Amino acid sequence: MRALAFLHPAATAARRQDCLAVFYVISDNLILMKKTTITVTDAARNFADCVNRAHYQNTTFVLLKNGTPFARLVPDNEKVCPGSDLAEILAKAELPDGEARAWHHDLQAARKTLKAVADKWR
């Protein structure tokens, strides 16, 4: 994965803290995604524009509060595979014994690294 960064044209000297940079992230599957950092205040003032840019231009916004990343506004174009669909696909897969054992071992190791999600509302 590579990231190309440059200062956004709207980031004049007076507004550099409001709109820091635009990052173009080039992933392994060659999808070009823009990643823009803006303050929470600017996002609130231009919310409709941010939502439209996230949807139509595949832009991810990193919202800054007091200069630190606080939240993200991301496009909803991820492909989701529910567990039931994955189980159905895996049931139909025919793997050689060695590969099946290795896959099972990797799955068990991955499950051990999972942690329960903390309930923030308690």
N, C-alpha and C. Protein backbone atom coordinates (compact mmCIF):
# COMPACT_ATOMS: atom_id res chain seq x y z
N MET A 1 0.84 -1.17 0.00
CA MET A 1 0.00 0.00 0.00
C MET A 1 0.89 1.23 0.00
N ARG A 2 0.57 2.19 -0.85
CA ARG A 2 1.31 3.44 -0.91
C ARG A 2 0.37 4.59 -0.60
N ALA A 3 0.90 5.66 -0.09
CA ALA A 3 0.11 6.87 0.17
C ALA A 3 0.87 8.06 -0.40
N LEU A 4 0.17 8.84 -1.18
CA LEU A 4 0.73 10.07 -1.71
C LEU A 4 0.05 11.22 -1.00
N ALA A 5 0.82 12.20 -0.54
CA ALA A 5 0.23 13.30 0.24
C ALA A 5 0.68 14.62 -0.35
N PHE A 6 -0.22 15.59 -0.29
CA PHE A 6 0.12 16.96 -0.64
C PHE A 6 -0.79 17.89 0.11
N LEU A 7 -0.37 19.14 0.22
CA LEU A 7 -1.17 20.13 0.92
C LEU A 7 -2.35 20.51 0.05
N HIS A 8 -3.53 20.48 0.63
CA HIS A 8 -4.76 20.80 -0.10
C HIS A 8 -4.71 22.26 -0.54
N PRO A 9 -5.17 22.58 -1.77
CA PRO A 9 -5.14 23.97 -2.24
C PRO A 9 -5.91 24.93 -1.34
N ALA A 10 -6.94 24.46 -0.67
CA ALA A 10 -7.73 25.32 0.21
C ALA A 10 -7.01 25.62 1.52
N ALA A 11 -5.91 24.94 1.76
CA ALA A 11 -5.19 25.11 3.02
C ALA A 11 -4.23 26.28 2.91
N THR A 12 -4.75 27.47 2.97
CA THR A 12 -3.91 28.67 2.93
C THR A 12 -3.17 28.77 4.26
N ALA A 13 -2.26 29.69 4.33
CA ALA A 13 -1.45 29.83 5.54
C ALA A 13 -2.32 30.07 6.76
N ALA A 14 -3.43 30.80 6.60
CA ALA A 14 -4.29 31.11 7.74
C ALA A 14 -5.15 29.92 8.14
N ARG A 15 -5.36 28.96 7.23
CA ARG A 15 -6.28 27.86 7.52
C ARG A 15 -5.59 26.51 7.53
N ARG A 16 -4.28 26.45 7.67
CA ARG A 16 -3.58 25.16 7.63
C ARG A 16 -4.04 24.21 8.72
N GLN A 17 -4.42 24.73 9.88
CA GLN A 17 -4.87 23.83 10.94
C GLN A 17 -6.26 23.30 10.65
N ASP A 18 -7.04 23.98 9.78
CA ASP A 18 -8.39 23.52 9.46
C ASP A 18 -8.40 22.42 8.41
N CYS A 19 -7.54 22.50 7.43
CA CYS A 19 -7.52 21.52 6.35
C CYS A 19 -6.06 21.14 6.10
N LEU A 20 -5.59 20.13 6.77
CA LEU A 20 -4.17 19.84 6.78
C LEU A 20 -3.64 19.27 5.48
N ALA A 21 -4.19 18.15 5.04
CA ALA A 21 -3.61 17.50 3.87
C ALA A 21 -4.62 16.58 3.23
N VAL A 22 -4.34 16.24 1.99
CA VAL A 22 -5.13 15.24 1.29
C VAL A 22 -4.18 14.09 0.98
N PHE A 23 -4.59 12.90 1.31
CA PHE A 23 -3.79 11.72 1.05
C PHE A 23 -4.50 10.88 0.00
N TYR A 24 -3.78 10.45 -1.00
CA TYR A 24 -4.32 9.50 -1.96
C TYR A 24 -3.75 8.14 -1.58
N VAL A 25 -4.59 7.24 -1.20
CA VAL A 25 -4.15 5.92 -0.76
C VAL A 25 -4.34 4.95 -1.92
N ILE A 26 -3.26 4.33 -2.32
CA ILE A 26 -3.31 3.34 -3.39
C ILE A 26 -3.10 1.99 -2.74
N SER A 27 -4.14 1.20 -2.70
CA SER A 27 -4.06 -0.09 -2.03
C SER A 27 -3.66 -1.17 -3.02
N ASP A 28 -3.59 -2.40 -2.52
CA ASP A 28 -3.19 -3.51 -3.35
C ASP A 28 -4.16 -3.77 -4.49
N ASN A 29 -5.44 -3.45 -4.30
CA ASN A 29 -6.41 -3.68 -5.36
C ASN A 29 -6.59 -2.44 -6.24
N LEU A 30 -5.70 -1.46 -6.13
CA LEU A 30 -5.62 -0.29 -6.98
C LEU A 30 -6.87 0.57 -6.99
N ILE A 31 -7.57 0.64 -5.90
CA ILE A 31 -8.69 1.57 -5.77
C ILE A 31 -8.13 2.86 -5.21
N LEU A 32 -8.38 3.96 -5.89
CA LEU A 32 -7.87 5.25 -5.45
C LEU A 32 -8.86 5.86 -4.48
N MET A 33 -8.39 6.15 -3.29
CA MET A 33 -9.25 6.70 -2.26
C MET A 33 -8.57 7.95 -1.71
N LYS A 34 -9.33 9.03 -1.63
CA LYS A 34 -8.80 10.25 -1.05
C LYS A 34 -9.07 10.24 0.44
N LYS A 35 -8.09 10.68 1.21
CA LYS A 35 -8.23 10.77 2.65
C LYS A 35 -7.91 12.20 3.05
N THR A 36 -8.89 12.93 3.55
CA THR A 36 -8.74 14.34 3.87
C THR A 36 -8.89 14.56 5.37
N THR A 37 -8.01 15.35 5.95
CA THR A 37 -8.14 15.69 7.36
C THR A 37 -8.73 17.10 7.48
N ILE A 38 -9.79 17.20 8.29
CA ILE A 38 -10.42 18.49 8.54
C ILE A 38 -10.82 18.55 10.01
N THR A 39 -11.09 19.73 10.49
CA THR A 39 -11.52 19.85 11.88
C THR A 39 -12.99 19.47 12.01
N VAL A 40 -13.38 19.12 13.21
CA VAL A 40 -14.78 18.78 13.48
C VAL A 40 -15.67 19.98 13.17
N THR A 41 -15.20 21.17 13.48
CA THR A 41 -15.97 22.38 13.22
C THR A 41 -16.22 22.57 11.73
N ASP A 42 -15.18 22.42 10.90
CA ASP A 42 -15.37 22.55 9.46
C ASP A 42 -16.28 21.46 8.91
N ALA A 43 -16.16 20.26 9.45
CA ALA A 43 -17.05 19.17 9.00
C ALA A 43 -18.50 19.50 9.33
N ALA A 44 -18.74 20.06 10.50
CA ALA A 44 -20.11 20.43 10.88
C ALA A 44 -20.64 21.54 9.98
N ARG A 45 -19.81 22.51 9.67
CA ARG A 45 -20.24 23.63 8.82
C ARG A 45 -20.51 23.19 7.39
N ASN A 46 -19.79 22.19 6.92
CA ASN A 46 -19.91 21.72 5.53
C ASN A 46 -20.32 20.26 5.47
N PHE A 47 -21.23 19.87 6.36
CA PHE A 47 -21.57 18.45 6.49
C PHE A 47 -22.12 17.86 5.20
N ALA A 48 -23.06 18.56 4.55
CA ALA A 48 -23.65 18.03 3.32
C ALA A 48 -22.59 17.83 2.24
N ASP A 49 -21.67 18.78 2.13
CA ASP A 49 -20.59 18.66 1.15
C ASP A 49 -19.69 17.47 1.47
N CYS A 50 -19.37 17.29 2.75
CA CYS A 50 -18.52 16.16 3.15
C CYS A 50 -19.20 14.83 2.83
N VAL A 51 -20.49 14.73 3.11
CA VAL A 51 -21.23 13.49 2.83
C VAL A 51 -21.24 13.23 1.32
N ASN A 52 -21.51 14.26 0.53
CA ASN A 52 -21.53 14.09 -0.93
C ASN A 52 -20.16 13.69 -1.46
N ARG A 53 -19.10 14.31 -0.96
CA ARG A 53 -17.75 13.95 -1.41
C ARG A 53 -17.39 12.53 -0.99
N ALA A 54 -17.83 12.12 0.19
CA ALA A 54 -17.57 10.75 0.63
C ALA A 54 -18.26 9.76 -0.31
N HIS A 55 -19.47 10.07 -0.69
CA HIS A 55 -20.24 9.14 -1.54
C HIS A 55 -19.78 9.17 -2.99
N TYR A 56 -19.72 10.36 -3.59
CA TYR A 56 -19.48 10.47 -5.02
C TYR A 56 -18.00 10.46 -5.41
N GLN A 57 -17.13 10.93 -4.53
CA GLN A 57 -15.71 11.00 -4.86
C GLN A 57 -14.86 10.00 -4.08
N ASN A 58 -15.51 9.14 -3.30
CA ASN A 58 -14.82 8.10 -2.52
C ASN A 58 -13.76 8.72 -1.61
N THR A 59 -14.13 9.79 -0.92
CA THR A 59 -13.23 10.51 -0.02
C THR A 59 -13.50 10.11 1.42
N THR A 60 -12.46 9.81 2.16
CA THR A 60 -12.57 9.55 3.59
C THR A 60 -12.11 10.79 4.33
N PHE A 61 -12.89 11.23 5.29
CA PHE A 61 -12.54 12.40 6.09
C PHE A 61 -12.11 11.96 7.47
N VAL A 62 -10.93 12.41 7.90
CA VAL A 62 -10.47 12.20 9.27
C VAL A 62 -10.76 13.51 9.99
N LEU A 63 -11.64 13.45 10.99
CA LEU A 63 -12.05 14.65 11.71
C LEU A 63 -11.11 14.86 12.90
N LEU A 64 -10.59 16.07 13.00
CA LEU A 64 -9.65 16.42 14.05
C LEU A 64 -10.32 17.26 15.12
N LYS A 65 -10.04 16.94 16.36
CA LYS A 65 -10.51 17.74 17.49
C LYS A 65 -9.27 18.09 18.30
N ASN A 66 -9.00 19.37 18.42
CA ASN A 66 -7.78 19.85 19.09
C ASN A 66 -6.53 19.27 18.44
N GLY A 67 -6.58 19.11 17.12
CA GLY A 67 -5.41 18.65 16.37
C GLY A 67 -5.17 17.17 16.36
N THR A 68 -6.00 16.38 17.06
CA THR A 68 -5.81 14.92 17.07
C THR A 68 -6.99 14.25 16.39
N PRO A 69 -6.74 13.13 15.69
CA PRO A 69 -7.84 12.40 15.04
C PRO A 69 -8.89 11.99 16.05
N PHE A 70 -10.15 12.27 15.72
CA PHE A 70 -11.24 12.05 16.66
C PHE A 70 -12.30 11.11 16.10
N ALA A 71 -12.58 11.24 14.78
CA ALA A 71 -13.60 10.40 14.14
C ALA A 71 -13.31 10.35 12.65
N ARG A 72 -14.05 9.49 11.94
CA ARG A 72 -13.92 9.36 10.49
C ARG A 72 -15.30 9.40 9.83
N LEU A 73 -15.33 9.96 8.66
CA LEU A 73 -16.51 9.90 7.79
C LEU A 73 -16.03 9.17 6.55
N VAL A 74 -16.57 7.98 6.33
CA VAL A 74 -16.06 7.13 5.24
C VAL A 74 -17.19 6.78 4.28
N PRO A 75 -16.86 6.53 3.00
CA PRO A 75 -17.88 6.10 2.05
C PRO A 75 -18.35 4.69 2.39
N ASP A 76 -19.61 4.44 2.11
CA ASP A 76 -20.19 3.13 2.41
C ASP A 76 -20.20 2.27 1.15
N ASN A 77 -19.01 1.95 0.67
CA ASN A 77 -18.93 1.13 -0.54
C ASN A 77 -18.18 -0.16 -0.31
N GLU A 78 -18.02 -0.53 0.95
CA GLU A 78 -17.33 -1.77 1.26
C GLU A 78 -18.24 -2.95 0.97
N LYS A 79 -17.65 -4.01 0.50
CA LYS A 79 -18.41 -5.23 0.29
C LYS A 79 -18.43 -5.99 1.60
N VAL A 80 -19.61 -6.40 2.00
CA VAL A 80 -19.78 -7.08 3.28
C VAL A 80 -20.19 -8.52 3.00
N CYS A 81 -19.58 -9.42 3.72
CA CYS A 81 -19.92 -10.84 3.60
C CYS A 81 -20.36 -11.33 4.97
N PRO A 82 -21.67 -11.55 5.16
CA PRO A 82 -22.13 -12.06 6.46
C PRO A 82 -21.53 -13.43 6.74
N GLY A 83 -21.43 -13.76 8.01
CA GLY A 83 -20.86 -15.04 8.41
C GLY A 83 -21.58 -16.23 7.82
N SER A 84 -22.92 -16.14 7.69
CA SER A 84 -23.68 -17.26 7.12
C SER A 84 -23.30 -17.50 5.67
N ASP A 85 -23.07 -16.41 4.91
CA ASP A 85 -22.65 -16.56 3.51
C ASP A 85 -21.25 -17.16 3.43
N LEU A 86 -20.37 -16.72 4.32
CA LEU A 86 -19.02 -17.27 4.34
C LEU A 86 -19.04 -18.76 4.67
N ALA A 87 -19.85 -19.14 5.65
CA ALA A 87 -19.95 -20.56 6.02
C ALA A 87 -20.46 -21.39 4.85
N GLU A 88 -21.41 -20.86 4.11
CA GLU A 88 -21.96 -21.58 2.95
C GLU A 88 -20.90 -21.75 1.86
N ILE A 89 -20.13 -20.70 1.61
CA ILE A 89 -19.08 -20.76 0.60
C ILE A 89 -17.99 -21.74 1.01
N LEU A 90 -17.60 -21.69 2.29
CA LEU A 90 -16.55 -22.59 2.76
C LEU A 90 -17.00 -24.05 2.77
N ALA A 91 -18.29 -24.29 3.00
CA ALA A 91 -18.79 -25.66 2.97
C ALA A 91 -18.67 -26.26 1.58
N LYS A 92 -18.76 -25.43 0.55
CA LYS A 92 -18.66 -25.90 -0.83
C LYS A 92 -17.21 -26.02 -1.32
N ALA A 93 -16.28 -25.40 -0.59
CA ALA A 93 -14.88 -25.40 -1.02
C ALA A 93 -14.27 -26.77 -0.80
N GLU A 94 -13.47 -27.18 -1.77
CA GLU A 94 -12.78 -28.46 -1.66
C GLU A 94 -11.28 -28.19 -1.57
N LEU A 95 -10.76 -28.23 -0.35
CA LEU A 95 -9.34 -27.99 -0.12
C LEU A 95 -8.63 -29.30 0.13
N PRO A 96 -7.40 -29.41 -0.33
CA PRO A 96 -6.59 -30.58 0.03
C PRO A 96 -6.42 -30.62 1.55
N ASP A 97 -6.17 -31.80 2.09
CA ASP A 97 -6.08 -31.96 3.54
C ASP A 97 -5.08 -31.02 4.19
N GLY A 98 -3.90 -30.88 3.60
CA GLY A 98 -2.88 -30.00 4.17
C GLY A 98 -3.33 -28.55 4.23
N GLU A 99 -3.95 -28.09 3.15
CA GLU A 99 -4.44 -26.71 3.13
C GLU A 99 -5.59 -26.51 4.11
N ALA A 100 -6.47 -27.51 4.21
CA ALA A 100 -7.60 -27.41 5.14
C ALA A 100 -7.09 -27.33 6.58
N ARG A 101 -6.09 -28.15 6.93
CA ARG A 101 -5.54 -28.12 8.27
C ARG A 101 -4.86 -26.77 8.55
N ALA A 102 -4.10 -26.27 7.57
CA ALA A 102 -3.42 -24.98 7.74
C ALA A 102 -4.44 -23.86 7.90
N TRP A 103 -5.52 -23.91 7.11
CA TRP A 103 -6.56 -22.89 7.21
C TRP A 103 -7.24 -22.95 8.57
N HIS A 104 -7.53 -24.16 9.04
CA HIS A 104 -8.16 -24.33 10.35
C HIS A 104 -7.24 -23.81 11.45
N HIS A 105 -5.95 -24.10 11.34
CA HIS A 105 -4.97 -23.62 12.32
C HIS A 105 -4.94 -22.09 12.34
N ASP A 106 -4.92 -21.47 11.15
CA ASP A 106 -4.91 -20.00 11.07
C ASP A 106 -6.19 -19.41 11.66
N LEU A 107 -7.32 -20.06 11.40
CA LEU A 107 -8.59 -19.58 11.95
C LEU A 107 -8.59 -19.64 13.47
N GLN A 108 -8.10 -20.73 14.04
CA GLN A 108 -8.03 -20.87 15.49
C GLN A 108 -7.11 -19.81 16.09
N ALA A 109 -5.97 -19.55 15.44
CA ALA A 109 -5.03 -18.54 15.94
C ALA A 109 -5.67 -17.15 15.88
N ALA A 110 -6.40 -16.87 14.81
CA ALA A 110 -7.06 -15.57 14.68
C ALA A 110 -8.13 -15.40 15.75
N ARG A 111 -8.88 -16.45 16.03
CA ARG A 111 -9.92 -16.37 17.07
C ARG A 111 -9.33 -16.10 18.44
N LYS A 112 -8.14 -16.63 18.71
CA LYS A 112 -7.50 -16.40 20.01
C LYS A 112 -7.07 -14.96 20.19
N THR A 113 -6.78 -14.26 19.09
CA THR A 113 -6.35 -12.88 19.20
C THR A 113 -7.51 -11.90 19.34
N LEU A 114 -8.74 -12.35 19.07
CA LEU A 114 -9.90 -11.47 19.18
C LEU A 114 -10.18 -11.13 20.63
N LYS A 115 -10.58 -9.90 20.85
CA LYS A 115 -10.96 -9.46 22.18
C LYS A 115 -12.41 -9.02 22.15
N ALA A 116 -13.09 -9.19 23.25
CA ALA A 116 -14.48 -8.76 23.33
C ALA A 116 -14.55 -7.25 23.21
N VAL A 117 -15.56 -6.78 22.51
CA VAL A 117 -15.75 -5.35 22.33
C VAL A 117 -16.22 -4.75 23.64
N ALA A 118 -15.57 -3.69 24.06
CA ALA A 118 -15.97 -3.01 25.31
C ALA A 118 -17.28 -2.28 25.10
N ASP A 119 -18.18 -2.43 26.02
CA ASP A 119 -19.46 -1.73 25.95
C ASP A 119 -19.27 -0.34 26.52
N LYS A 120 -19.28 0.67 25.66
CA LYS A 120 -19.04 2.04 26.09
C LYS A 120 -20.23 2.64 26.82
N TRP A 121 -21.35 1.97 26.80
CA TRP A 121 -22.57 2.53 27.39
C TRP A 121 -22.82 2.05 28.80
N ARG A 122 -21.93 1.27 29.36
CA ARG A 122 -22.11 0.80 30.75
C ARG A 122 -21.54 1.77 31.71
